[in-house]
Amino acid sequence: MATILIIDDEPAIRRMITRLLSKAGHRVIEAANGRDGVSLFRAETPDLVVVDILMPGKDGIETMRELLAIRADIRLVAISGGGKVAGDFYLDLADLFGAQAHLAKPFSPGDLLAIVERLLG
């Protein structure tokens, strides 16, 4: 069982991911924004972080950079619903800033589970 931090400003997305990963046997913690996500990251030391790229305040790229500065070996999955063209741009940017995987919203639960298990395996 891994501890997974979900950072996303959309409550419905956080709930869906939390249910999915909890059913798969993981401990899941949630943050509604980058600032709270970094605080939880420091307190909980998760094994993997799923971070939304487009969030108000501290965006996902800035959040990822801060998480990697705290712990360079953290596994990161970037997610974004920024539209077809912009979404691809943001996800490619996330990869450049340290995400080991990414998914465009909406994504299938199976795709997310496969990525999480691959990164944790």
C-alpha atoms as a PDB file:
ATOM      1  CA  MET A   1       0.000   0.000   0.000  1.00  0.00           C
ATOM      2  CA  ALA A   2       1.312   3.398  -1.017  1.00  0.00           C
ATOM      3  CA  THR A   3       0.391   6.862   0.207  1.00  0.00           C
ATOM      4  CA  ILE A   4      -0.763   9.012  -2.694  1.00  0.00           C
ATOM      5  CA  LEU A   5      -1.370  12.765  -2.603  1.00  0.00           C
ATOM      6  CA  ILE A   6      -3.966  14.216  -4.968  1.00  0.00           C
ATOM      7  CA  ILE A   7      -3.669  17.963  -5.671  1.00  0.00           C
ATOM      8  CA  ASP A   8      -6.574  19.276  -7.737  1.00  0.00           C
ATOM      9  CA  ASP A   9      -8.872  22.270  -7.364  1.00  0.00           C
ATOM     10  CA  GLU A  10     -11.902  20.314  -8.623  1.00  0.00           C
ATOM     11  CA  PRO A  11     -13.616  18.449  -5.743  1.00  0.00           C
ATOM     12  CA  ALA A  12     -15.314  15.951  -8.098  1.00  0.00           C
ATOM     13  CA  ILE A  13     -11.977  14.964  -9.648  1.00  0.00           C
ATOM     14  CA  ARG A  14     -10.374  14.552  -6.219  1.00  0.00           C
ATOM     15  CA  ARG A  15     -13.279  12.377  -5.034  1.00  0.00           C
ATOM     16  CA  MET A  16     -13.160  10.188  -8.141  1.00  0.00           C
ATOM     17  CA  ILE A  17      -9.399   9.652  -7.903  1.00  0.00           C
ATOM     18  CA  THR A  18      -9.574   9.070  -4.146  1.00  0.00           C
ATOM     19  CA  ARG A  19     -12.285   6.409  -4.532  1.00  0.00           C
ATOM     20  CA  LEU A  20     -10.406   4.691  -7.345  1.00  0.00           C
ATOM     21  CA  LEU A  21      -7.048   4.576  -5.597  1.00  0.00           C
ATOM     22  CA  SER A  22      -8.537   3.701  -2.205  1.00  0.00           C
ATOM     23  CA  LYS A  23     -10.330   0.719  -3.761  1.00  0.00           C
ATOM     24  CA  ALA A  24      -6.966  -0.340  -5.184  1.00  0.00           C
ATOM     25  CA  GLY A  25      -5.609  -0.447  -1.625  1.00  0.00           C
ATOM     26  CA  HIS A  26      -3.766   2.848  -1.412  1.00  0.00           C
ATOM     27  CA  ARG A  27      -3.936   5.484   1.304  1.00  0.00           C
ATOM     28  CA  VAL A  28      -5.030   8.727  -0.348  1.00  0.00           C
ATOM     29  CA  ILE A  29      -4.738  12.276   0.942  1.00  0.00           C
ATOM     30  CA  GLU A  30      -6.151  15.327  -0.832  1.00  0.00           C
ATOM     31  CA  ALA A  31      -5.323  18.989  -1.294  1.00  0.00           C
ATOM     32  CA  ALA A  32      -7.451  21.565  -3.110  1.00  0.00           C
ATOM     33  CA  ASN A  33      -4.532  23.744  -4.204  1.00  0.00           C
ATOM     34  CA  GLY A  34      -0.782  23.810  -4.621  1.00  0.00           C
ATOM     35  CA  ARG A  35      -0.043  25.611  -1.373  1.00  0.00           C
ATOM     36  CA  ASP A  36      -1.974  23.068   0.712  1.00  0.00           C
ATOM     37  CA  GLY A  37      -0.508  20.259  -1.382  1.00  0.00           C
ATOM     38  CA  VAL A  38       3.054  21.285  -0.559  1.00  0.00           C
ATOM     39  CA  SER A  39       2.167  21.486   3.156  1.00  0.00           C
ATOM     40  CA  LEU A  40       0.613  18.001   3.088  1.00  0.00           C
ATOM     41  CA  PHE A  41       3.593  16.701   1.138  1.00  0.00           C
ATOM     42  CA  ARG A  42       5.947  17.895   3.880  1.00  0.00           C
ATOM     43  CA  ALA A  43       3.760  16.415   6.629  1.00  0.00           C
ATOM     44  CA  GLU A  44       2.817  13.084   5.047  1.00  0.00           C
ATOM     45  CA  THR A  45       5.752  12.178   2.750  1.00  0.00           C
ATOM     46  CA  PRO A  46       3.644  10.426   0.083  1.00  0.00           C
ATOM     47  CA  ASP A  47       5.036   7.880  -2.349  1.00  0.00           C
ATOM     48  CA  LEU A  48       3.387   9.468  -5.393  1.00  0.00           C
ATOM     49  CA  VAL A  49       1.632  12.751  -6.217  1.00  0.00           C
ATOM     50  CA  VAL A  50      -1.090  13.344  -8.804  1.00  0.00           C
ATOM     51  CA  VAL A  51      -1.127  17.071  -9.544  1.00  0.00           C
ATOM     52  CA  ASP A  52      -3.438  19.161 -11.704  1.00  0.00           C
ATOM     53  CA  ILE A  53      -1.561  21.629 -13.879  1.00  0.00           C
ATOM     54  CA  LEU A  54      -4.162  24.391 -14.137  1.00  0.00           C
ATOM     55  CA  MET A  55      -5.088  25.611 -10.651  1.00  0.00           C
ATOM     56  CA  PRO A  56      -5.632  29.085  -9.249  1.00  0.00           C
ATOM     57  CA  GLY A  57      -2.898  30.511  -7.053  1.00  0.00           C
ATOM     58  CA  LYS A  58       0.041  28.130  -7.257  1.00  0.00           C
ATOM     59  CA  ASP A  59      -0.267  26.210 -10.544  1.00  0.00           C
ATOM     60  CA  GLY A  60       0.789  22.610 -10.998  1.00  0.00           C
ATOM     61  CA  ILE A  61       4.150  23.394 -12.611  1.00  0.00           C
ATOM     62  CA  GLU A  62       5.163  25.626  -9.710  1.00  0.00           C
ATOM     63  CA  THR A  63       3.868  23.015  -7.264  1.00  0.00           C
ATOM     64  CA  MET A  64       5.838  20.239  -8.965  1.00  0.00           C
ATOM     65  CA  ARG A  65       9.028  22.308  -8.897  1.00  0.00           C
ATOM     66  CA  GLU A  66       8.602  22.902  -5.182  1.00  0.00           C
ATOM     67  CA  LEU A  67       7.888  19.224  -4.474  1.00  0.00           C
ATOM     68  CA  LEU A  68      10.970  18.164  -6.438  1.00  0.00           C
ATOM     69  CA  ALA A  69      13.089  20.689  -4.530  1.00  0.00           C
ATOM     70  CA  ILE A  70      11.922  19.057  -1.295  1.00  0.00           C
ATOM     71  CA  ARG A  71      12.408  15.492  -2.519  1.00  0.00           C
ATOM     72  CA  ALA A  72      13.983  14.899  -5.922  1.00  0.00           C
ATOM     73  CA  ASP A  73      12.877  11.259  -6.171  1.00  0.00           C
ATOM     74  CA  ILE A  74       9.124  11.869  -5.803  1.00  0.00           C
ATOM     75  CA  ARG A  75       6.978  10.228  -8.473  1.00  0.00           C
ATOM     76  CA  LEU A  76       4.693  12.755 -10.180  1.00  0.00           C
ATOM     77  CA  VAL A  77       1.661  12.289 -12.420  1.00  0.00           C
ATOM     78  CA  ALA A  78       0.430  15.476 -14.102  1.00  0.00           C
ATOM     79  CA  ILE A  79      -3.212  15.846 -15.123  1.00  0.00           C
ATOM     80  CA  SER A  80      -4.857  18.643 -17.091  1.00  0.00           C
ATOM     81  CA  GLY A  81      -8.148  19.485 -18.708  1.00  0.00           C
ATOM     82  CA  GLY A  82      -6.800  22.577 -20.441  1.00  0.00           C
ATOM     83  CA  GLY A  83      -8.393  21.778 -23.797  1.00  0.00           C
ATOM     84  CA  LYS A  84      -7.069  19.779 -26.740  1.00  0.00           C
ATOM     85  CA  VAL A  85      -4.251  22.058 -27.855  1.00  0.00           C
ATOM     86  CA  ALA A  86      -3.491  23.903 -24.616  1.00  0.00           C
ATOM     87  CA  GLY A  87      -3.884  20.726 -22.566  1.00  0.00           C
ATOM     88  CA  ASP A  88      -1.227  18.934 -24.618  1.00  0.00           C
ATOM     89  CA  PHE A  89       1.101  21.928 -24.248  1.00  0.00           C
ATOM     90  CA  TYR A  90       0.704  22.006 -20.455  1.00  0.00           C
ATOM     91  CA  LEU A  91       1.196  18.258 -20.133  1.00  0.00           C
ATOM     92  CA  ASP A  92       4.335  18.353 -22.299  1.00  0.00           C
ATOM     93  CA  LEU A  93       5.584  21.218 -20.118  1.00  0.00           C
ATOM     94  CA  ALA A  94       4.858  19.143 -17.001  1.00  0.00           C
ATOM     95  CA  ASP A  95       7.014  16.342 -18.413  1.00  0.00           C
ATOM     96  CA  LEU A  96       9.863  18.808 -18.906  1.00  0.00           C
ATOM     97  CA  PHE A  97       9.527  19.878 -15.269  1.00  0.00           C
ATOM     98  CA  GLY A  98       9.705  16.376 -13.824  1.00  0.00           C
ATOM     99  CA  ALA A  99       6.418  14.513 -14.263  1.00  0.00           C
ATOM    100  CA  GLN A 100       7.044  10.840 -14.985  1.00  0.00           C
ATOM    101  CA  ALA A 101       3.593  10.470 -16.559  1.00  0.00           C
ATOM    102  CA  HIS A 102       0.617  12.582 -17.569  1.00  0.00           C
ATOM    103  CA  LEU A 103      -3.060  12.245 -18.424  1.00  0.00           C
ATOM    104  CA  ALA A 104      -5.463  14.597 -20.173  1.00  0.00           C
ATOM    105  CA  LYS A 105      -8.858  15.062 -18.517  1.00  0.00           C
ATOM    106  CA  PRO A 106     -11.177  13.329 -18.908  1.00  0.00           C
ATOM    107  CA  PHE A 107      -9.172  10.140 -18.474  1.00  0.00           C
ATOM    108  CA  SER A 108     -10.283   6.588 -17.848  1.00  0.00           C
ATOM    109  CA  PRO A 109      -9.911   5.125 -14.362  1.00  0.00           C
ATOM    110  CA  GLY A 110      -8.019   2.203 -15.894  1.00  0.00           C
ATOM    111  CA  ASP A 111      -5.450   4.514 -17.474  1.00  0.00           C
ATOM    112  CA  LEU A 112      -4.792   6.248 -14.154  1.00  0.00           C
ATOM    113  CA  LEU A 113      -4.530   2.957 -12.268  1.00  0.00           C
ATOM    114  CA  ALA A 114      -2.089   1.568 -14.837  1.00  0.00           C
ATOM    115  CA  ILE A 115       0.155   4.623 -14.538  1.00  0.00           C
ATOM    116  CA  VAL A 116       0.066   4.606 -10.738  1.00  0.00           C
ATOM    117  CA  GLU A 117       0.893   0.922 -10.542  1.00  0.00           C
ATOM    118  CA  ARG A 118       3.700   1.290 -13.112  1.00  0.00           C
ATOM    119  CA  LEU A 119       5.279   4.177 -11.194  1.00  0.00           C
ATOM    120  CA  LEU A 120       4.935   2.429  -7.849  1.00  0.00           C
ATOM    121  CA  GLY A 121       6.056  -0.953  -9.172  1.00  0.00           C
END
